[in-house]
PDB file of N, CA and C in Angstrom:
ATOM      1  N   MET A   1       0.844  -1.186   0.000  1.00  0.00           N
ATOM      2  CA  MET A   1       0.000   0.000   0.000  1.00  0.00           C
ATOM      3  C   MET A   1       0.885   1.244   0.000  1.00  0.00           C
ATOM      4  N   PRO A   2       0.436   2.271  -0.661  1.00  0.00           N
ATOM      5  CA  PRO A   2       1.229   3.507  -0.660  1.00  0.00           C
ATOM      6  C   PRO A   2       1.199   4.188   0.713  1.00  0.00           C
ATOM      7  N   TRP A   3       2.145   5.082   0.917  1.00  0.00           N
ATOM      8  CA  TRP A   3       2.293   5.728   2.231  1.00  0.00           C
ATOM      9  C   TRP A   3       1.071   6.548   2.614  1.00  0.00           C
ATOM     10  N   TYR A   4       0.393   7.156   1.631  1.00  0.00           N
ATOM     11  CA  TYR A   4      -0.753   8.002   1.965  1.00  0.00           C
ATOM     12  C   TYR A   4      -1.954   7.170   2.416  1.00  0.00           C
ATOM     13  N   ALA A   5      -2.050   5.927   1.982  1.00  0.00           N
ATOM     14  CA  ALA A   5      -3.124   5.056   2.462  1.00  0.00           C
ATOM     15  C   ALA A   5      -2.906   4.737   3.946  1.00  0.00           C
ATOM     16  N   TRP A   6      -1.660   4.482   4.328  1.00  0.00           N
ATOM     17  CA  TRP A   6      -1.341   4.247   5.734  1.00  0.00           C
ATOM     18  C   TRP A   6      -1.619   5.489   6.568  1.00  0.00           C
ATOM     19  N   LEU A   7      -1.323   6.650   6.005  1.00  0.00           N
ATOM     20  CA  LEU A   7      -1.579   7.903   6.710  1.00  0.00           C
ATOM     21  C   LEU A   7      -3.076   8.102   6.942  1.00  0.00           C
ATOM     22  N   ILE A   8      -3.876   7.836   5.937  1.00  0.00           N
ATOM     23  CA  ILE A   8      -5.331   7.984   6.070  1.00  0.00           C
ATOM     24  C   ILE A   8      -5.873   6.995   7.101  1.00  0.00           C
ATOM     25  N   MET A   9      -5.372   5.755   7.060  1.00  0.00           N
ATOM     26  CA  MET A   9      -5.834   4.760   8.044  1.00  0.00           C
ATOM     27  C   MET A   9      -5.431   5.151   9.461  1.00  0.00           C
ATOM     28  N   ALA A  10      -4.225   5.685   9.634  1.00  0.00           N
ATOM     29  CA  ALA A  10      -3.770   6.106  10.960  1.00  0.00           C
ATOM     30  C   ALA A  10      -4.602   7.282  11.468  1.00  0.00           C
ATOM     31  N   LEU A  11      -4.930   8.226  10.591  1.00  0.00           N
ATOM     32  CA  LEU A  11      -5.757   9.365  10.988  1.00  0.00           C
ATOM     33  C   LEU A  11      -7.171   8.919  11.368  1.00  0.00           C
ATOM     34  N   ALA A  12      -7.735   7.997  10.615  1.00  0.00           N
ATOM     35  CA  ALA A  12      -9.079   7.503  10.916  1.00  0.00           C
ATOM     36  C   ALA A  12      -9.085   6.775  12.259  1.00  0.00           C
ATOM     37  N   LEU A  13      -8.111   5.912  12.471  1.00  0.00           N
ATOM     38  CA  LEU A  13      -8.033   5.187  13.734  1.00  0.00           C
ATOM     39  C   LEU A  13      -7.803   6.141  14.899  1.00  0.00           C
ATOM     40  N   GLY A  14      -6.954   7.131  14.712  1.00  0.00           N
ATOM     41  CA  GLY A  14      -6.694   8.115  15.756  1.00  0.00           C
ATOM     42  C   GLY A  14      -7.927   8.924  16.106  1.00  0.00           C
ATOM     43  N   SER A  15      -8.701   9.289  15.095  1.00  0.00           N
ATOM     44  CA  SER A  15      -9.905  10.069  15.384  1.00  0.00           C
ATOM     45  C   SER A  15     -10.948   9.225  16.109  1.00  0.00           C
ATOM     46  N   ILE A  16     -11.046   7.949  15.768  1.00  0.00           N
ATOM     47  CA  ILE A  16     -12.003   7.067  16.458  1.00  0.00           C
ATOM     48  C   ILE A  16     -11.591   6.884  17.914  1.00  0.00           C
ATOM     49  N   VAL A  17     -10.325   6.585  18.132  1.00  0.00           N
ATOM     50  CA  VAL A  17      -9.841   6.382  19.500  1.00  0.00           C
ATOM     51  C   VAL A  17      -9.968   7.674  20.307  1.00  0.00           C
ATOM     52  N   GLY A  18      -9.637   8.804  19.705  1.00  0.00           N
ATOM     53  CA  GLY A  18      -9.755  10.087  20.396  1.00  0.00           C
ATOM     54  C   GLY A  18     -11.188  10.406  20.775  1.00  0.00           C
ATOM     55  N   ALA A  19     -12.116  10.131  19.875  1.00  0.00           N
ATOM     56  CA  ALA A  19     -13.526  10.390  20.171  1.00  0.00           C
ATOM     57  C   ALA A  19     -14.020   9.504  21.306  1.00  0.00           C
ATOM     58  N   LEU A  20     -13.605   8.234  21.304  1.00  0.00           N
ATOM     59  CA  LEU A  20     -14.017   7.334  22.381  1.00  0.00           C
ATOM     60  C   LEU A  20     -13.430   7.756  23.721  1.00  0.00           C
ATOM     61  N   MET A  21     -12.194   8.209  23.726  1.00  0.00           N
ATOM     62  CA  MET A  21     -11.578   8.661  24.976  1.00  0.00           C
ATOM     63  C   MET A  21     -12.254   9.926  25.488  1.00  0.00           C
ATOM     64  N   MET A  22     -12.619  10.832  24.583  1.00  0.00           N
ATOM     65  CA  MET A  22     -13.301  12.054  24.998  1.00  0.00           C
ATOM     66  C   MET A  22     -14.685  11.723  25.552  1.00  0.00           C
ATOM     67  N   LEU A  23     -15.366  10.773  24.925  1.00  0.00           N
ATOM     68  CA  LEU A  23     -16.675  10.354  25.405  1.00  0.00           C
ATOM     69  C   LEU A  23     -16.568   9.757  26.799  1.00  0.00           C
ATOM     70  N   ARG A  24     -15.539   8.931  27.034  1.00  0.00           N
ATOM     71  CA  ARG A  24     -15.334   8.330  28.348  1.00  0.00           C
ATOM     72  C   ARG A  24     -15.044   9.394  29.407  1.00  0.00           C
ATOM     73  N   ASP A  25     -14.251  10.391  29.051  1.00  0.00           N
ATOM     74  CA  ASP A  25     -13.873  11.424  30.015  1.00  0.00           C
ATOM     75  C   ASP A  25     -15.041  12.336  30.381  1.00  0.00           C
ATOM     76  N   THR A  26     -15.963  12.546  29.456  1.00  0.00           N
ATOM     77  CA  THR A  26     -17.063  13.469  29.715  1.00  0.00           C
ATOM     78  C   THR A  26     -18.290  12.783  30.306  1.00  0.00           C
ATOM     79  N   ALA A  27     -18.280  11.455  30.385  1.00  0.00           N
ATOM     80  CA  ALA A  27     -19.422  10.735  30.952  1.00  0.00           C
ATOM     81  C   ALA A  27     -19.475  10.987  32.451  1.00  0.00           C
ATOM     82  N   LYS A  28     -20.682  11.261  32.937  1.00  0.00           N
ATOM     83  CA  LYS A  28     -20.871  11.528  34.362  1.00  0.00           C
ATOM     84  C   LYS A  28     -21.897  10.558  34.919  1.00  0.00           C
ATOM     85  N   LYS A  29     -21.682  10.148  36.141  1.00  0.00           N
ATOM     86  CA  LYS A  29     -22.608   9.251  36.800  1.00  0.00           C
ATOM     87  C   LYS A  29     -23.833  10.037  37.264  1.00  0.00           C
ATOM     88  N   LEU A  30     -25.009   9.435  37.095  1.00  0.00           N
ATOM     89  CA  LEU A  30     -26.239  10.095  37.511  1.00  0.00           C
ATOM     90  C   LEU A  30     -26.402   9.980  39.020  1.00  0.00           C
ATOM     91  N   PRO A  31     -26.641  11.099  39.691  1.00  0.00           N
ATOM     92  CA  PRO A  31     -26.859  11.031  41.140  1.00  0.00           C
ATOM     93  C   PRO A  31     -28.301  10.622  41.442  1.00  0.00           C
ATOM     94  N   LEU A  32     -28.524   9.331  41.670  1.00  0.00           N
ATOM     95  CA  LEU A  32     -29.862   8.825  41.955  1.00  0.00           C
ATOM     96  C   LEU A  32     -29.997   8.539  43.444  1.00  0.00           C
ATOM     97  N   THR A  33     -31.196   8.771  43.935  1.00  0.00           N
ATOM     98  CA  THR A  33     -31.458   8.440  45.340  1.00  0.00           C
ATOM     99  C   THR A  33     -31.693   6.938  45.458  1.00  0.00           C
ATOM    100  N   GLU A  34     -31.679   6.448  46.673  1.00  0.00           N
ATOM    101  CA  GLU A  34     -31.892   5.018  46.906  1.00  0.00           C
ATOM    102  C   GLU A  34     -33.296   4.604  46.459  1.00  0.00           C
ATOM    103  N   GLU A  35     -34.267   5.497  46.643  1.00  0.00           N
ATOM    104  CA  GLU A  35     -35.643   5.200  46.229  1.00  0.00           C
ATOM    105  C   GLU A  35     -35.738   5.071  44.705  1.00  0.00           C
ATOM    106  N   GLN A  36     -35.065   5.960  43.986  1.00  0.00           N
ATOM    107  CA  GLN A  36     -35.079   5.897  42.522  1.00  0.00           C
ATOM    108  C   GLN A  36     -34.420   4.618  42.028  1.00  0.00           C
ATOM    109  N   LEU A  37     -33.306   4.234  42.640  1.00  0.00           N
ATOM    110  CA  LEU A  37     -32.637   2.991  42.257  1.00  0.00           C
ATOM    111  C   LEU A  37     -33.531   1.788  42.513  1.00  0.00           C
ATOM    112  N   GLN A  38     -34.261   1.815  43.626  1.00  0.00           N
ATOM    113  CA  GLN A  38     -35.159   0.721  43.963  1.00  0.00           C
ATOM    114  C   GLN A  38     -36.272   0.602  42.922  1.00  0.00           C
ATOM    115  N   ARG A  39     -36.835   1.743  42.499  1.00  0.00           N
ATOM    116  CA  ARG A  39     -37.893   1.718  41.479  1.00  0.00           C
ATOM    117  C   ARG A  39     -37.362   1.211  40.146  1.00  0.00           C
ATOM    118  N   ILE A  40     -36.142   1.588  39.803  1.00  0.00           N
ATOM    119  CA  ILE A  40     -35.542   1.125  38.551  1.00  0.00           C
ATOM    120  C   ILE A  40     -35.349  -0.387  38.582  1.00  0.00           C
ATOM    121  N   HIS A  41     -34.832  -0.906  39.690  1.00  0.00           N
ATOM    122  CA  HIS A  41     -34.625  -2.345  39.803  1.00  0.00           C
ATOM    123  C   HIS A  41     -35.949  -3.096  39.762  1.00  0.00           C
ATOM    124  N   GLN A  42     -36.975  -2.532  40.403  1.00  0.00           N
ATOM    125  CA  GLN A  42     -38.293  -3.163  40.390  1.00  0.00           C
ATOM    126  C   GLN A  42     -38.857  -3.180  38.969  1.00  0.00           C
ATOM    127  N   ARG A  43     -38.736  -2.074  38.263  1.00  0.00           N
ATOM    128  CA  ARG A  43     -39.244  -1.984  36.895  1.00  0.00           C
ATOM    129  C   ARG A  43     -38.505  -2.966  35.977  1.00  0.00           C
ATOM    130  N   ASN A  44     -37.178  -3.086  36.165  1.00  0.00           N
ATOM    131  CA  ASN A  44     -36.407  -4.029  35.355  1.00  0.00           C
ATOM    132  C   ASN A  44     -36.837  -5.463  35.631  1.00  0.00           C
ATOM    133  N   ALA A  45     -37.095  -5.781  36.887  1.00  0.00           N
ATOM    134  CA  ALA A  45     -37.546  -7.131  37.238  1.00  0.00           C
ATOM    135  C   ALA A  45     -38.910  -7.417  36.612  1.00  0.00           C
ATOM    136  N   GLU A  46     -39.803  -6.429  36.629  1.00  0.00           N
ATOM    137  CA  GLU A  46     -41.124  -6.617  36.017  1.00  0.00           C
ATOM    138  C   GLU A  46     -41.006  -6.831  34.515  1.00  0.00           C
ATOM    139  N   MET A  47     -40.152  -6.061  33.873  1.00  0.00           N
ATOM    140  CA  MET A  47     -39.984  -6.206  32.426  1.00  0.00           C
ATOM    141  C   MET A  47     -39.337  -7.548  32.073  1.00  0.00           C
ATOM    142  N   ASP A  48     -38.391  -8.010  32.886  1.00  0.00           N
ATOM    143  CA  ASP A  48     -37.786  -9.321  32.655  1.00  0.00           C
ATOM    144  C   ASP A  48     -38.814 -10.436  32.785  1.00  0.00           C
ATOM    145  N   ALA A  49     -39.692 -10.315  33.784  1.00  0.00           N
ATOM    146  CA  ALA A  49     -40.750 -11.318  33.971  1.00  0.00           C
ATOM    147  C   ALA A  49     -41.714 -11.286  32.781  1.00  0.00           C
ATOM    148  N   LYS A  50     -42.041 -10.104  32.320  1.00  0.00           N
ATOM    149  CA  LYS A  50     -42.954  -9.983  31.168  1.00  0.00           C
ATOM    150  C   LYS A  50     -42.314 -10.575  29.923  1.00  0.00           C
ATOM    151  N   ASP A  51     -41.033 -10.325  29.715  1.00  0.00           N
ATOM    152  CA  ASP A  51     -40.338 -10.894  28.559  1.00  0.00           C
ATOM    153  C   ASP A  51     -40.285 -12.419  28.639  1.00  0.00           C
ATOM    154  N   ALA A  52     -40.069 -12.943  29.827  1.00  0.00           N
ATOM    155  CA  ALA A  52     -40.023 -14.392  30.002  1.00  0.00           C
ATOM    156  C   ALA A  52     -41.393 -15.007  29.688  1.00  0.00           C
ATOM    157  N   ASP A  53     -42.474 -14.315  30.083  1.00  0.00           N
ATOM    158  CA  ASP A  53     -43.823 -14.822  29.778  1.00  0.00           C
ATOM    159  C   ASP A  53     -44.106 -14.737  28.288  1.00  0.00           C
ATOM    160  N   ASP A  54     -43.624 -13.704  27.623  1.00  0.00           N
ATOM    161  CA  ASP A  54     -43.860 -13.550  26.188  1.00  0.00           C
ATOM    162  C   ASP A  54     -43.126 -14.602  25.375  1.00  0.00           C
ATOM    163  N   LYS A  55     -41.992 -15.072  25.864  1.00  0.00           N
ATOM    164  CA  LYS A  55     -41.212 -16.077  25.116  1.00  0.00           C
ATOM    165  C   LYS A  55     -41.845 -17.456  25.186  1.00  0.00           C
ATOM    166  N   ARG A  56     -42.704 -17.689  26.133  1.00  0.00           N
ATOM    167  CA  ARG A  56     -43.335 -19.019  26.268  1.00  0.00           C
ATOM    168  C   ARG A  56     -44.446 -19.204  25.306  1.00  0.00           C
TER     169      ARG A  56
END
């Protein structure tokens, strides 16, 4: 392959890796209360049970 093809591939890979690293650095954890977490877990359990019933 010519040198410019390697350059283009290196730039593309660098931009992908850079974007992923920036996304990781800017991600913030949501401050949820214990009650909100409990409701989320309950809702997930209900949806899992519903999905299990639908598969039968």
